[in-house]
Amino acid sequence: RTFMAGDDDDDDDLMVLSSKLPLKCPLTGKYAGVPARTVKCRHLAVFDRDTFLLMERRARKWKCPICTNAVKLCEVFVDGYASHVLEELKRLGGEDAEV
């Protein structure tokens, strides 16, 4: 996917040629059922919110399973874009389809 911002004459143009969106949860190894990140995360990767909450309630470490930043429960949010991509993945061919 390509994104461009600004006019051609600006030196401050932003261009992202491609980026990957990892959709598998590092806790389960499966596609995230409810893909989530935290407001502190700088990565695009998501984890399964429900699995994360279940594990963190027991362990009480409250760290992102991807970047290990300390987080508060109120900082966890569902990633709407990842949710949409996962819905399309299911619609187009299930878990065996490539994203």
C-alpha atoms as a PDB file:
ATOM      1  CA  ARG A   1       0.000   0.000   0.000  1.00  0.00           C
ATOM      2  CA  THR A   2       1.348   3.455  -0.836  1.00  0.00           C
ATOM      3  CA  PHE A   3       0.537   6.637   1.031  1.00  0.00           C
ATOM      4  CA  MET A   4       1.668  10.127   0.120  1.00  0.00           C
ATOM      5  CA  ALA A   5       0.998  13.359   1.987  1.00  0.00           C
ATOM      6  CA  GLY A   6       1.694  16.946   0.991  1.00  0.00           C
ATOM      7  CA  ASP A   7       2.403  18.639  -2.319  1.00  0.00           C
ATOM      8  CA  ASP A   8       5.164  17.605  -4.677  1.00  0.00           C
ATOM      9  CA  ASP A   9       6.993  20.852  -3.892  1.00  0.00           C
ATOM     10  CA  ASP A  10       7.219  20.254  -0.116  1.00  0.00           C
ATOM     11  CA  ASP A  11      10.351  18.813   1.463  1.00  0.00           C
ATOM     12  CA  ASP A  12       8.190  17.461   4.291  1.00  0.00           C
ATOM     13  CA  ASP A  13       6.390  14.861   2.153  1.00  0.00           C
ATOM     14  CA  LEU A  14       5.696  11.542   3.802  1.00  0.00           C
ATOM     15  CA  MET A  15       5.817   8.414   1.702  1.00  0.00           C
ATOM     16  CA  VAL A  16       5.335   4.897   3.001  1.00  0.00           C
ATOM     17  CA  LEU A  17       5.972   2.375   0.285  1.00  0.00           C
ATOM     18  CA  SER A  18       4.833  -0.673   2.170  1.00  0.00           C
ATOM     19  CA  SER A  19       4.182  -1.964   5.637  1.00  0.00           C
ATOM     20  CA  LYS A  20       3.254  -5.327   7.067  1.00  0.00           C
ATOM     21  CA  LEU A  21       0.448  -5.873   9.521  1.00  0.00           C
ATOM     22  CA  PRO A  22       1.124  -9.004  11.577  1.00  0.00           C
ATOM     23  CA  LEU A  23      -2.288 -10.451  12.476  1.00  0.00           C
ATOM     24  CA  LYS A  24      -1.300 -13.510  14.495  1.00  0.00           C
ATOM     25  CA  CYS A  25      -1.308 -13.208  18.257  1.00  0.00           C
ATOM     26  CA  PRO A  26       2.081 -13.938  19.872  1.00  0.00           C
ATOM     27  CA  LEU A  27       0.241 -15.487  22.833  1.00  0.00           C
ATOM     28  CA  THR A  28      -1.811 -18.019  20.860  1.00  0.00           C
ATOM     29  CA  GLY A  29      -0.035 -18.302  17.492  1.00  0.00           C
ATOM     30  CA  LYS A  30      -3.437 -17.877  15.818  1.00  0.00           C
ATOM     31  CA  TYR A  31      -5.130 -14.937  14.151  1.00  0.00           C
ATOM     32  CA  ALA A  32      -6.274 -12.475  16.805  1.00  0.00           C
ATOM     33  CA  GLY A  33      -9.987 -12.913  17.472  1.00  0.00           C
ATOM     34  CA  VAL A  34     -10.229  -9.371  18.826  1.00  0.00           C
ATOM     35  CA  PRO A  35      -7.058  -7.643  17.577  1.00  0.00           C
ATOM     36  CA  ALA A  36      -5.700  -5.145  20.073  1.00  0.00           C
ATOM     37  CA  ARG A  37      -2.698  -2.961  20.841  1.00  0.00           C
ATOM     38  CA  THR A  38      -1.987  -0.374  23.502  1.00  0.00           C
ATOM     39  CA  VAL A  39      -1.799   3.382  23.148  1.00  0.00           C
ATOM     40  CA  LYS A  40       1.899   3.181  24.074  1.00  0.00           C
ATOM     41  CA  CYS A  41       2.763   0.703  21.297  1.00  0.00           C
ATOM     42  CA  ARG A  42       4.632   1.996  18.264  1.00  0.00           C
ATOM     43  CA  HIS A  43       4.300  -1.275  16.332  1.00  0.00           C
ATOM     44  CA  LEU A  44       1.488  -2.334  14.021  1.00  0.00           C
ATOM     45  CA  ALA A  45       1.385  -5.920  15.292  1.00  0.00           C
ATOM     46  CA  VAL A  46      -1.680  -6.914  17.291  1.00  0.00           C
ATOM     47  CA  PHE A  47      -2.489  -9.483  19.964  1.00  0.00           C
ATOM     48  CA  ASP A  48      -5.771 -11.133  20.907  1.00  0.00           C
ATOM     49  CA  ARG A  49      -7.418  -8.859  23.479  1.00  0.00           C
ATOM     50  CA  ASP A  50      -9.349 -11.589  25.287  1.00  0.00           C
ATOM     51  CA  THR A  51      -6.324 -13.891  25.634  1.00  0.00           C
ATOM     52  CA  PHE A  52      -4.196 -10.951  26.800  1.00  0.00           C
ATOM     53  CA  LEU A  53      -6.741  -9.937  29.453  1.00  0.00           C
ATOM     54  CA  LEU A  54      -7.134 -13.494  30.715  1.00  0.00           C
ATOM     55  CA  MET A  55      -3.376 -14.034  30.991  1.00  0.00           C
ATOM     56  CA  GLU A  56      -2.632 -10.638  32.511  1.00  0.00           C
ATOM     57  CA  ARG A  57      -5.348 -10.951  35.135  1.00  0.00           C
ATOM     58  CA  ARG A  58      -3.575 -14.073  36.354  1.00  0.00           C
ATOM     59  CA  ALA A  59       0.032 -12.889  35.973  1.00  0.00           C
ATOM     60  CA  ARG A  60      -0.593  -9.211  36.835  1.00  0.00           C
ATOM     61  CA  LYS A  61       2.434  -8.046  34.833  1.00  0.00           C
ATOM     62  CA  TRP A  62       0.471  -5.814  32.420  1.00  0.00           C
ATOM     63  CA  LYS A  63       3.009  -5.676  29.616  1.00  0.00           C
ATOM     64  CA  CYS A  64       2.433  -5.655  25.896  1.00  0.00           C
ATOM     65  CA  PRO A  65       3.206  -9.182  24.652  1.00  0.00           C
ATOM     66  CA  ILE A  66       4.916  -7.741  21.577  1.00  0.00           C
ATOM     67  CA  CYS A  67       7.081  -4.832  22.778  1.00  0.00           C
ATOM     68  CA  THR A  68       6.920  -5.526  26.559  1.00  0.00           C
ATOM     69  CA  ASN A  69       6.022  -1.918  27.414  1.00  0.00           C
ATOM     70  CA  ALA A  70       4.272  -1.636  30.762  1.00  0.00           C
ATOM     71  CA  VAL A  71       0.602  -0.790  30.194  1.00  0.00           C
ATOM     72  CA  LYS A  72      -2.582  -0.076  32.098  1.00  0.00           C
ATOM     73  CA  LEU A  73      -5.845  -1.799  31.272  1.00  0.00           C
ATOM     74  CA  CYS A  74      -7.345   1.506  30.106  1.00  0.00           C
ATOM     75  CA  GLU A  75      -4.556   1.792  27.491  1.00  0.00           C
ATOM     76  CA  VAL A  76      -5.585  -1.379  25.609  1.00  0.00           C
ATOM     77  CA  PHE A  77      -7.746  -0.743  22.558  1.00  0.00           C
ATOM     78  CA  VAL A  78      -9.232  -2.780  19.728  1.00  0.00           C
ATOM     79  CA  ASP A  79      -7.460  -2.024  16.444  1.00  0.00           C
ATOM     80  CA  GLY A  80     -10.279  -1.222  14.033  1.00  0.00           C
ATOM     81  CA  TYR A  81      -8.154  -1.509  10.912  1.00  0.00           C
ATOM     82  CA  ALA A  82      -6.780  -4.928  11.907  1.00  0.00           C
ATOM     83  CA  SER A  83     -10.348  -6.018  12.728  1.00  0.00           C
ATOM     84  CA  HIS A  84     -11.466  -5.010   9.253  1.00  0.00           C
ATOM     85  CA  VAL A  85      -8.551  -6.834   7.606  1.00  0.00           C
ATOM     86  CA  LEU A  86      -9.311  -9.994   9.612  1.00  0.00           C
ATOM     87  CA  GLU A  87     -12.990  -9.818   8.644  1.00  0.00           C
ATOM     88  CA  GLU A  88     -11.999  -9.559   4.973  1.00  0.00           C
ATOM     89  CA  LEU A  89      -9.551 -12.433   5.390  1.00  0.00           C
ATOM     90  CA  LYS A  90     -12.325 -14.653   6.738  1.00  0.00           C
ATOM     91  CA  ARG A  91     -14.683 -13.546   3.990  1.00  0.00           C
ATOM     92  CA  LEU A  92     -12.152 -14.232   1.246  1.00  0.00           C
ATOM     93  CA  GLY A  93     -10.878 -17.602   2.303  1.00  0.00           C
ATOM     94  CA  GLY A  94     -10.597 -18.243   5.984  1.00  0.00           C
ATOM     95  CA  GLU A  95      -7.466 -18.648   8.030  1.00  0.00           C
ATOM     96  CA  ASP A  96      -5.539 -20.296   5.178  1.00  0.00           C
ATOM     97  CA  ALA A  97      -5.648 -17.153   3.037  1.00  0.00           C
ATOM     98  CA  GLU A  98      -2.592 -14.918   2.862  1.00  0.00           C
ATOM     99  CA  VAL A  99      -2.772 -11.292   3.928  1.00  0.00           C
END
